Every structure is written in C-alpha cells, then in structure tokens.
Amino acid sequence: MVEVSGELCCERTGMALSQHMRQGLSEVFIDRTRAGRRGPDTAYTLGGPFFCPGCGEGMKVEGCHATCRRCGGVLDEFVYPLIEVHPHP
C-alpha cells in the first residue's frame, strides 16, 4: 500500500481505498495494533492472487483464508470488501 494525494492505494493496481478499509488494513498490517480476524471455514475458495497490504508478499491462500507468508497477517475480514466494494482492474 502507498499513499497518493492523501489516499491509501494499492501499489500494484492503483486502486484507492475507502477510509474505513484504510483504517482496518492499517491497524492489522501497518500499525499492528490488532490481529486480523480469521473468517469461518466455508466451502468457498478464494481466487487470487492476494498480496499483503503491509509487506507486499504473496499471501498463502487456503480455501477461504488468506495469510501473509512473511508477516503472518490475516486478510480474511477484508476479502469481501476488497472484492465487492474495491474491485481491482
């Protein structure tokens, strides 16, 4: 993630994030003031690829869960809004 003109954006795609998404991703992956919440196990399988918002590492995707291989951050709680509210080009 990078800051561009006061907005937090995905470095790979240039997609800007809402303030709510920025706050949550910052808490989990940048400031590390809380751990990401792991979602419930479901039959749904994530596509990908996903990259860690903190360190940029490719995330390990297992079924419906995404975890950073380097820092261990959990992306699960952010997957739905990233896909549905913040579509990547």
PDB file of N, CA and C in Angstrom:
ATOM      1  N   MET A   1       0.841  -1.167   0.000  1.00  0.00           N
ATOM      2  CA  MET A   1       0.000   0.000   0.000  1.00  0.00           C
ATOM      3  C   MET A   1       0.891   1.237   0.000  1.00  0.00           C
ATOM      4  N   VAL A   2       0.457   2.226  -0.733  1.00  0.00           N
ATOM      5  CA  VAL A   2       1.175   3.501  -0.787  1.00  0.00           C
ATOM      6  C   VAL A   2       0.175   4.641  -0.644  1.00  0.00           C
ATOM      7  N   GLU A   3       0.644   5.765  -0.131  1.00  0.00           N
ATOM      8  CA  GLU A   3      -0.220   6.930  -0.014  1.00  0.00           C
ATOM      9  C   GLU A   3      -0.010   7.819  -1.231  1.00  0.00           C
ATOM     10  N   VAL A   4      -1.126   8.155  -1.899  1.00  0.00           N
ATOM     11  CA  VAL A   4      -1.093   9.003  -3.081  1.00  0.00           C
ATOM     12  C   VAL A   4      -2.121  10.116  -2.883  1.00  0.00           C
ATOM     13  N   SER A   5      -1.667  11.347  -2.847  1.00  0.00           N
ATOM     14  CA  SER A   5      -2.550  12.509  -2.667  1.00  0.00           C
ATOM     15  C   SER A   5      -3.489  12.344  -1.472  1.00  0.00           C
ATOM     16  N   GLY A   6      -2.962  11.812  -0.372  1.00  0.00           N
ATOM     17  CA  GLY A   6      -3.750  11.668   0.847  1.00  0.00           C
ATOM     18  C   GLY A   6      -4.626  10.435   0.905  1.00  0.00           C
ATOM     19  N   GLU A   7      -4.630   9.607  -0.138  1.00  0.00           N
ATOM     20  CA  GLU A   7      -5.412   8.368  -0.145  1.00  0.00           C
ATOM     21  C   GLU A   7      -4.464   7.175  -0.107  1.00  0.00           C
ATOM     22  N   LEU A   8      -4.891   6.119   0.571  1.00  0.00           N
ATOM     23  CA  LEU A   8      -4.124   4.882   0.575  1.00  0.00           C
ATOM     24  C   LEU A   8      -4.538   4.084  -0.644  1.00  0.00           C
ATOM     25  N   CYS A   9      -3.557   3.681  -1.442  1.00  0.00           N
ATOM     26  CA  CYS A   9      -3.826   2.983  -2.706  1.00  0.00           C
ATOM     27  C   CYS A   9      -3.030   1.689  -2.781  1.00  0.00           C
ATOM     28  N   CYS A  10      -3.573   0.746  -3.499  1.00  0.00           N
ATOM     29  CA  CYS A  10      -2.868  -0.490  -3.802  1.00  0.00           C
ATOM     30  C   CYS A  10      -1.740  -0.145  -4.775  1.00  0.00           C
ATOM     31  N   GLU A  11      -0.510  -0.463  -4.392  1.00  0.00           N
ATOM     32  CA  GLU A  11       0.640  -0.130  -5.232  1.00  0.00           C
ATOM     33  C   GLU A  11       0.609  -0.872  -6.561  1.00  0.00           C
ATOM     34  N   ARG A  12       0.131  -2.092  -6.562  1.00  0.00           N
ATOM     35  CA  ARG A  12       0.114  -2.912  -7.782  1.00  0.00           C
ATOM     36  C   ARG A  12      -0.950  -2.483  -8.779  1.00  0.00           C
ATOM     37  N   THR A  13      -2.115  -2.003  -8.275  1.00  0.00           N
ATOM     38  CA  THR A  13      -3.226  -1.694  -9.188  1.00  0.00           C
ATOM     39  C   THR A  13      -3.616  -0.220  -9.220  1.00  0.00           C
ATOM     40  N   GLY A  14      -3.182   0.560  -8.224  1.00  0.00           N
ATOM     41  CA  GLY A  14      -3.558   1.961  -8.152  1.00  0.00           C
ATOM     42  C   GLY A  14      -4.939   2.192  -7.559  1.00  0.00           C
ATOM     43  N   MET A  15      -5.612   1.132  -7.102  1.00  0.00           N
ATOM     44  CA  MET A  15      -6.954   1.241  -6.553  1.00  0.00           C
ATOM     45  C   MET A  15      -6.931   1.977  -5.208  1.00  0.00           C
ATOM     46  N   ALA A  16      -7.747   3.035  -5.071  1.00  0.00           N
ATOM     47  CA  ALA A  16      -7.856   3.775  -3.817  1.00  0.00           C
ATOM     48  C   ALA A  16      -8.802   3.045  -2.864  1.00  0.00           C
ATOM     49  N   LEU A  17      -8.544   3.161  -1.575  1.00  0.00           N
ATOM     50  CA  LEU A  17      -9.359   2.505  -0.559  1.00  0.00           C
ATOM     51  C   LEU A  17     -10.245   3.504   0.168  1.00  0.00           C
ATOM     52  N   SER A  18     -11.389   3.034   0.649  1.00  0.00           N
ATOM     53  CA  SER A  18     -12.244   3.861   1.491  1.00  0.00           C
ATOM     54  C   SER A  18     -11.509   4.134   2.805  1.00  0.00           C
ATOM     55  N   GLN A  19     -11.944   5.148   3.533  1.00  0.00           N
ATOM     56  CA  GLN A  19     -11.326   5.460   4.818  1.00  0.00           C
ATOM     57  C   GLN A  19     -11.512   4.307   5.807  1.00  0.00           C
ATOM     58  N   HIS A  20     -12.660   3.651   5.760  1.00  0.00           N
ATOM     59  CA  HIS A  20     -12.925   2.510   6.642  1.00  0.00           C
ATOM     60  C   HIS A  20     -11.950   1.373   6.351  1.00  0.00           C
ATOM     61  N   MET A  21     -11.753   1.061   5.070  1.00  0.00           N
ATOM     62  CA  MET A  21     -10.830  -0.002   4.677  1.00  0.00           C
ATOM     63  C   MET A  21      -9.400   0.386   5.049  1.00  0.00           C
ATOM     64  N   ARG A  22      -9.059   1.640   4.812  1.00  0.00           N
ATOM     65  CA  ARG A  22      -7.712   2.122   5.153  1.00  0.00           C
ATOM     66  C   ARG A  22      -7.446   1.926   6.638  1.00  0.00           C
ATOM     67  N   GLN A  23      -8.407   2.309   7.474  1.00  0.00           N
ATOM     68  CA  GLN A  23      -8.227   2.182   8.916  1.00  0.00           C
ATOM     69  C   GLN A  23      -8.003   0.730   9.318  1.00  0.00           C
ATOM     70  N   GLY A  24      -8.844  -0.169   8.823  1.00  0.00           N
ATOM     71  CA  GLY A  24      -8.728  -1.577   9.186  1.00  0.00           C
ATOM     72  C   GLY A  24      -7.422  -2.199   8.723  1.00  0.00           C
ATOM     73  N   LEU A  25      -7.050  -1.958   7.465  1.00  0.00           N
ATOM     74  CA  LEU A  25      -5.797  -2.513   6.947  1.00  0.00           C
ATOM     75  C   LEU A  25      -4.590  -1.936   7.676  1.00  0.00           C
ATOM     76  N   SER A  26      -4.654  -0.655   8.015  1.00  0.00           N
ATOM     77  CA  SER A  26      -3.550  -0.030   8.757  1.00  0.00           C
ATOM     78  C   SER A  26      -3.409  -0.650  10.148  1.00  0.00           C
ATOM     79  N   GLU A  27      -4.536  -0.862  10.841  1.00  0.00           N
ATOM     80  CA  GLU A  27      -4.493  -1.461  12.176  1.00  0.00           C
ATOM     81  C   GLU A  27      -3.847  -2.842  12.156  1.00  0.00           C
ATOM     82  N   VAL A  28      -4.194  -3.641  11.155  1.00  0.00           N
ATOM     83  CA  VAL A  28      -3.730  -5.030  11.104  1.00  0.00           C
ATOM     84  C   VAL A  28      -2.343  -5.160  10.475  1.00  0.00           C
ATOM     85  N   PHE A  29      -2.106  -4.473   9.357  1.00  0.00           N
ATOM     86  CA  PHE A  29      -0.891  -4.742   8.594  1.00  0.00           C
ATOM     87  C   PHE A  29       0.213  -3.694   8.722  1.00  0.00           C
ATOM     88  N   ILE A  30      -0.105  -2.494   9.176  1.00  0.00           N
ATOM     89  CA  ILE A  30       0.917  -1.451   9.243  1.00  0.00           C
ATOM     90  C   ILE A  30       1.238  -1.110  10.702  1.00  0.00           C
ATOM     91  N   ASP A  31       0.219  -0.665  11.453  1.00  0.00           N
ATOM     92  CA  ASP A  31       0.431  -0.293  12.854  1.00  0.00           C
ATOM     93  C   ASP A  31       0.522  -1.512  13.765  1.00  0.00           C
ATOM     94  N   ARG A  32      -0.089  -2.613  13.347  1.00  0.00           N
ATOM     95  CA  ARG A  32      -0.127  -3.864  14.116  1.00  0.00           C
ATOM     96  C   ARG A  32      -0.711  -3.665  15.512  1.00  0.00           C
ATOM     97  N   THR A  33      -1.791  -2.862  15.575  1.00  0.00           N
ATOM     98  CA  THR A  33      -2.459  -2.623  16.851  1.00  0.00           C
ATOM     99  C   THR A  33      -3.496  -3.690  17.161  1.00  0.00           C
ATOM    100  N   ARG A  34      -3.800  -4.524  16.182  1.00  0.00           N
ATOM    101  CA  ARG A  34      -4.698  -5.662  16.415  1.00  0.00           C
ATOM    102  C   ARG A  34      -4.405  -6.732  15.370  1.00  0.00           C
ATOM    103  N   ALA A  35      -4.818  -7.955  15.675  1.00  0.00           N
ATOM    104  CA  ALA A  35      -4.654  -9.066  14.734  1.00  0.00           C
ATOM    105  C   ALA A  35      -5.845  -9.111  13.794  1.00  0.00           C
ATOM    106  N   GLY A  36      -5.611  -9.522  12.567  1.00  0.00           N
ATOM    107  CA  GLY A  36      -6.704  -9.708  11.620  1.00  0.00           C
ATOM    108  C   GLY A  36      -7.586 -10.855  12.071  1.00  0.00           C
ATOM    109  N   ARG A  37      -8.884 -10.728  11.829  1.00  0.00           N
ATOM    110  CA  ARG A  37      -9.825 -11.776  12.231  1.00  0.00           C
ATOM    111  C   ARG A  37      -9.921 -12.846  11.147  1.00  0.00           C
ATOM    112  N   ARG A  38      -9.713 -14.064  11.536  1.00  0.00           N
ATOM    113  CA  ARG A  38      -9.835 -15.194  10.619  1.00  0.00           C
ATOM    114  C   ARG A  38     -11.313 -15.478  10.424  1.00  0.00           C
ATOM    115  N   GLY A  39     -11.737 -15.627   9.182  1.00  0.00           N
ATOM    116  CA  GLY A  39     -13.132 -15.914   8.886  1.00  0.00           C
ATOM    117  C   GLY A  39     -13.492 -17.353   9.180  1.00  0.00           C
ATOM    118  N   PRO A  40     -14.779 -17.652   9.207  1.00  0.00           N
ATOM    119  CA  PRO A  40     -15.206 -19.033   9.445  1.00  0.00           C
ATOM    120  C   PRO A  40     -14.850 -19.913   8.247  1.00  0.00           C
ATOM    121  N   ASP A  41     -14.675 -21.188   8.495  1.00  0.00           N
ATOM    122  CA  ASP A  41     -14.435 -22.128   7.404  1.00  0.00           C
ATOM    123  C   ASP A  41     -15.706 -22.247   6.578  1.00  0.00           C
ATOM    124  N   THR A  42     -15.564 -22.126   5.279  1.00  0.00           N
ATOM    125  CA  THR A  42     -16.700 -22.278   4.369  1.00  0.00           C
ATOM    126  C   THR A  42     -16.252 -23.107   3.180  1.00  0.00           C
ATOM    127  N   ALA A  43     -17.190 -23.474   2.342  1.00  0.00           N
ATOM    128  CA  ALA A  43     -16.872 -24.228   1.136  1.00  0.00           C
ATOM    129  C   ALA A  43     -16.332 -23.306   0.045  1.00  0.00           C
ATOM    130  N   TYR A  44     -16.436 -21.987   0.253  1.00  0.00           N
ATOM    131  CA  TYR A  44     -15.980 -21.021  -0.729  1.00  0.00           C
ATOM    132  C   TYR A  44     -14.459 -21.041  -0.824  1.00  0.00           C
ATOM    133  N   THR A  45     -13.934 -20.986  -2.029  1.00  0.00           N
ATOM    134  CA  THR A  45     -12.495 -20.938  -2.251  1.00  0.00           C
ATOM    135  C   THR A  45     -12.126 -19.598  -2.852  1.00  0.00           C
ATOM    136  N   LEU A  46     -11.168 -18.934  -2.233  1.00  0.00           N
ATOM    137  CA  LEU A  46     -10.711 -17.641  -2.734  1.00  0.00           C
ATOM    138  C   LEU A  46      -9.954 -17.815  -4.039  1.00  0.00           C
ATOM    139  N   GLY A  47     -10.113 -16.837  -4.902  1.00  0.00           N
ATOM    140  CA  GLY A  47      -9.280 -16.780  -6.091  1.00  0.00           C
ATOM    141  C   GLY A  47      -7.968 -16.138  -5.702  1.00  0.00           C
ATOM    142  N   GLY A  48      -7.448 -15.373  -6.548  1.00  0.00           N
ATOM    143  CA  GLY A  48      -6.207 -14.705  -6.193  1.00  0.00           C
ATOM    144  C   GLY A  48      -5.544 -14.202  -7.448  1.00  0.00           C
ATOM    145  N   PRO A  49      -4.368 -13.759  -7.347  1.00  0.00           N
ATOM    146  CA  PRO A  49      -3.553 -13.770  -6.136  1.00  0.00           C
ATOM    147  C   PRO A  49      -3.897 -12.617  -5.211  1.00  0.00           C
ATOM    148  N   PHE A  50      -3.536 -12.767  -3.940  1.00  0.00           N
ATOM    149  CA  PHE A  50      -3.648 -11.716  -2.946  1.00  0.00           C
ATOM    150  C   PHE A  50      -2.250 -11.381  -2.472  1.00  0.00           C
ATOM    151  N   PHE A  51      -2.020 -10.093  -2.180  1.00  0.00           N
ATOM    152  CA  PHE A  51      -0.723  -9.640  -1.703  1.00  0.00           C
ATOM    153  C   PHE A  51      -0.909  -8.916  -0.385  1.00  0.00           C
ATOM    154  N   CYS A  52       0.029  -9.097   0.530  1.00  0.00           N
ATOM    155  CA  CYS A  52      -0.045  -8.486   1.847  1.00  0.00           C
ATOM    156  C   CYS A  52      -0.027  -6.963   1.733  1.00  0.00           C
ATOM    157  N   PRO A  53      -1.008  -6.283   2.338  1.00  0.00           N
ATOM    158  CA  PRO A  53      -1.029  -4.827   2.320  1.00  0.00           C
ATOM    159  C   PRO A  53       0.121  -4.204   3.103  1.00  0.00           C
ATOM    160  N   GLY A  54       0.751  -4.965   3.983  1.00  0.00           N
ATOM    161  CA  GLY A  54       1.853  -4.435   4.780  1.00  0.00           C
ATOM    162  C   GLY A  54       3.209  -4.592   4.141  1.00  0.00           C
ATOM    163  N   CYS A  55       3.533  -5.818   3.702  1.00  0.00           N
ATOM    164  CA  CYS A  55       4.884  -6.059   3.191  1.00  0.00           C
ATOM    165  C   CYS A  55       4.923  -6.402   1.707  1.00  0.00           C
ATOM    166  N   GLY A  56       3.767  -6.593   1.076  1.00  0.00           N
ATOM    167  CA  GLY A  56       3.721  -6.854  -0.359  1.00  0.00           C
ATOM    168  C   GLY A  56       3.958  -8.300  -0.758  1.00  0.00           C
ATOM    169  N   GLU A  57       4.203  -9.164   0.189  1.00  0.00           N
ATOM    170  CA  GLU A  57       4.450 -10.582  -0.077  1.00  0.00           C
ATOM    171  C   GLU A  57       3.174 -11.250  -0.593  1.00  0.00           C
ATOM    172  N   GLY A  58       3.327 -12.213  -1.487  1.00  0.00           N
ATOM    173  CA  GLY A  58       2.181 -13.001  -1.928  1.00  0.00           C
ATOM    174  C   GLY A  58       1.609 -13.756  -0.746  1.00  0.00           C
ATOM    175  N   MET A  59       0.287 -13.774  -0.635  1.00  0.00           N
ATOM    176  CA  MET A  59      -0.345 -14.420   0.506  1.00  0.00           C
ATOM    177  C   MET A  59      -0.623 -15.889   0.222  1.00  0.00           C
ATOM    178  N   LYS A  60      -0.565 -16.685   1.277  1.00  0.00           N
ATOM    179  CA  LYS A  60      -0.900 -18.098   1.200  1.00  0.00           C
ATOM    180  C   LYS A  60      -2.423 -18.196   1.275  1.00  0.00           C
ATOM    181  N   VAL A  61      -3.030 -18.745   0.235  1.00  0.00           N
ATOM    182  CA  VAL A  61      -4.487 -18.884   0.193  1.00  0.00           C
ATOM    183  C   VAL A  61      -4.825 -20.356   0.379  1.00  0.00           C
ATOM    184  N   GLU A  62      -5.612 -20.635   1.408  1.00  0.00           N
ATOM    185  CA  GLU A  62      -6.074 -21.990   1.689  1.00  0.00           C
ATOM    186  C   GLU A  62      -7.586 -21.946   1.829  1.00  0.00           C
ATOM    187  N   GLY A  63      -8.288 -22.437   0.814  1.00  0.00           N
ATOM    188  CA  GLY A  63      -9.743 -22.408   0.831  1.00  0.00           C
ATOM    189  C   GLY A  63     -10.242 -20.982   0.888  1.00  0.00           C
ATOM    190  N   CYS A  64     -10.867 -20.616   2.008  1.00  0.00           N
ATOM    191  CA  CYS A  64     -11.442 -19.278   2.167  1.00  0.00           C
ATOM    192  C   CYS A  64     -10.589 -18.382   3.058  1.00  0.00           C
ATOM    193  N   HIS A  65      -9.325 -18.738   3.266  1.00  0.00           N
ATOM    194  CA  HIS A  65      -8.440 -17.981   4.143  1.00  0.00           C
ATOM    195  C   HIS A  65      -7.207 -17.491   3.397  1.00  0.00           C
ATOM    196  N   ALA A  66      -6.735 -16.280   3.749  1.00  0.00           N
ATOM    197  CA  ALA A  66      -5.527 -15.709   3.150  1.00  0.00           C
ATOM    198  C   ALA A  66      -4.634 -15.170   4.264  1.00  0.00           C
ATOM    199  N   THR A  67      -3.396 -15.682   4.308  1.00  0.00           N
ATOM    200  CA  THR A  67      -2.438 -15.307   5.342  1.00  0.00           C
ATOM    201  C   THR A  67      -1.110 -14.953   4.689  1.00  0.00           C
ATOM    202  N   CYS A  68      -0.467 -13.900   5.176  1.00  0.00           N
ATOM    203  CA  CYS A  68       0.824 -13.487   4.624  1.00  0.00           C
ATOM    204  C   CYS A  68       1.891 -14.504   4.986  1.00  0.00           C
ATOM    205  N   ARG A  69       2.656 -14.910   4.000  1.00  0.00           N
ATOM    206  CA  ARG A  69       3.739 -15.864   4.223  1.00  0.00           C
ATOM    207  C   ARG A  69       4.873 -15.257   5.049  1.00  0.00           C
ATOM    208  N   ARG A  70       5.075 -13.956   4.953  1.00  0.00           N
ATOM    209  CA  ARG A  70       6.202 -13.305   5.630  1.00  0.00           C
ATOM    210  C   ARG A  70       5.830 -12.829   7.032  1.00  0.00           C
ATOM    211  N   CYS A  71       4.757 -12.026   7.140  1.00  0.00           N
ATOM    212  CA  CYS A  71       4.457 -11.399   8.436  1.00  0.00           C
ATOM    213  C   CYS A  71       3.331 -12.091   9.203  1.00  0.00           C
ATOM    214  N   GLY A  72       2.608 -13.004   8.561  1.00  0.00           N
ATOM    215  CA  GLY A  72       1.544 -13.738   9.244  1.00  0.00           C
ATOM    216  C   GLY A  72       0.219 -13.008   9.346  1.00  0.00           C
ATOM    217  N   GLY A  73       0.111 -11.808   8.756  1.00  0.00           N
ATOM    218  CA  GLY A  73      -1.140 -11.055   8.804  1.00  0.00           C
ATOM    219  C   GLY A  73      -2.270 -11.805   8.106  1.00  0.00           C
ATOM    220  N   VAL A  74      -3.464 -11.737   8.683  1.00  0.00           N
ATOM    221  CA  VAL A  74      -4.639 -12.437   8.158  1.00  0.00           C
ATOM    222  C   VAL A  74      -5.540 -11.447   7.423  1.00  0.00           C
ATOM    223  N   LEU A  75      -5.857 -11.739   6.173  1.00  0.00           N
ATOM    224  CA  LEU A  75      -6.644 -10.846   5.317  1.00  0.00           C
ATOM    225  C   LEU A  75      -8.135 -11.174   5.314  1.00  0.00           C
ATOM    226  N   ASP A  76      -8.533 -12.275   5.916  1.00  0.00           N
ATOM    227  CA  ASP A  76      -9.898 -12.803   5.791  1.00  0.00           C
ATOM    228  C   ASP A  76     -11.004 -11.756   5.927  1.00  0.00           C
ATOM    229  N   GLU A  77     -10.959 -10.936   6.969  1.00  0.00           N
ATOM    230  CA  GLU A  77     -12.043  -9.980   7.220  1.00  0.00           C
ATOM    231  C   GLU A  77     -12.151  -8.908   6.140  1.00  0.00           C
ATOM    232  N   PHE A  78     -11.110  -8.762   5.319  1.00  0.00           N
ATOM    233  CA  PHE A  78     -11.088  -7.719   4.301  1.00  0.00           C
ATOM    234  C   PHE A  78     -11.378  -8.242   2.891  1.00  0.00           C
ATOM    235  N   VAL A  79     -11.433  -9.559   2.723  1.00  0.00           N
ATOM    236  CA  VAL A  79     -11.566 -10.129   1.376  1.00  0.00           C
ATOM    237  C   VAL A  79     -12.860  -9.685   0.703  1.00  0.00           C
ATOM    238  N   TYR A  80     -13.998  -9.816   1.375  1.00  0.00           N
ATOM    239  CA  TYR A  80     -15.268  -9.434   0.744  1.00  0.00           C
ATOM    240  C   TYR A  80     -15.268  -7.966   0.317  1.00  0.00           C
ATOM    241  N   PRO A  81     -14.927  -7.021   1.221  1.00  0.00           N
ATOM    242  CA  PRO A  81     -14.931  -5.627   0.764  1.00  0.00           C
ATOM    243  C   PRO A  81     -13.886  -5.346  -0.310  1.00  0.00           C
ATOM    244  N   LEU A  82     -12.758  -6.037  -0.283  1.00  0.00           N
ATOM    245  CA  LEU A  82     -11.759  -5.824  -1.332  1.00  0.00           C
ATOM    246  C   LEU A  82     -12.287  -6.257  -2.699  1.00  0.00           C
ATOM    247  N   ILE A  83     -13.060  -7.321  -2.726  1.00  0.00           N
ATOM    248  CA  ILE A  83     -13.567  -7.845  -3.990  1.00  0.00           C
ATOM    249  C   ILE A  83     -14.831  -7.103  -4.428  1.00  0.00           C
ATOM    250  N   GLU A  84     -15.757  -6.900  -3.508  1.00  0.00           N
ATOM    251  CA  GLU A  84     -17.063  -6.339  -3.869  1.00  0.00           C
ATOM    252  C   GLU A  84     -17.115  -4.804  -3.878  1.00  0.00           C
ATOM    253  N   VAL A  85     -16.437  -4.169  -2.920  1.00  0.00           N
ATOM    254  CA  VAL A  85     -16.526  -2.713  -2.781  1.00  0.00           C
ATOM    255  C   VAL A  85     -15.349  -2.005  -3.456  1.00  0.00           C
ATOM    256  N   HIS A  86     -14.211  -2.674  -3.503  1.00  0.00           N
ATOM    257  CA  HIS A  86     -12.987  -2.091  -4.051  1.00  0.00           C
ATOM    258  C   HIS A  86     -12.476  -2.993  -5.183  1.00  0.00           C
ATOM    259  N   PRO A  87     -13.239  -3.140  -6.258  1.00  0.00           N
ATOM    260  CA  PRO A  87     -12.799  -4.062  -7.323  1.00  0.00           C
ATOM    261  C   PRO A  87     -11.485  -3.609  -7.937  1.00  0.00           C
ATOM    262  N   HIS A  88     -10.618  -4.573  -8.163  1.00  0.00           N
ATOM    263  CA  HIS A  88      -9.325  -4.306  -8.793  1.00  0.00           C
ATOM    264  C   HIS A  88      -9.470  -4.422 -10.318  1.00  0.00           C
ATOM    265  N   PRO A  89      -8.774  -3.565 -11.042  1.00  0.00           N
ATOM    266  CA  PRO A  89      -8.839  -3.655 -12.514  1.00  0.00           C
ATOM    267  C   PRO A  89      -8.141  -4.896 -13.039  1.00  0.00           C
TER     268      PRO A  89
END
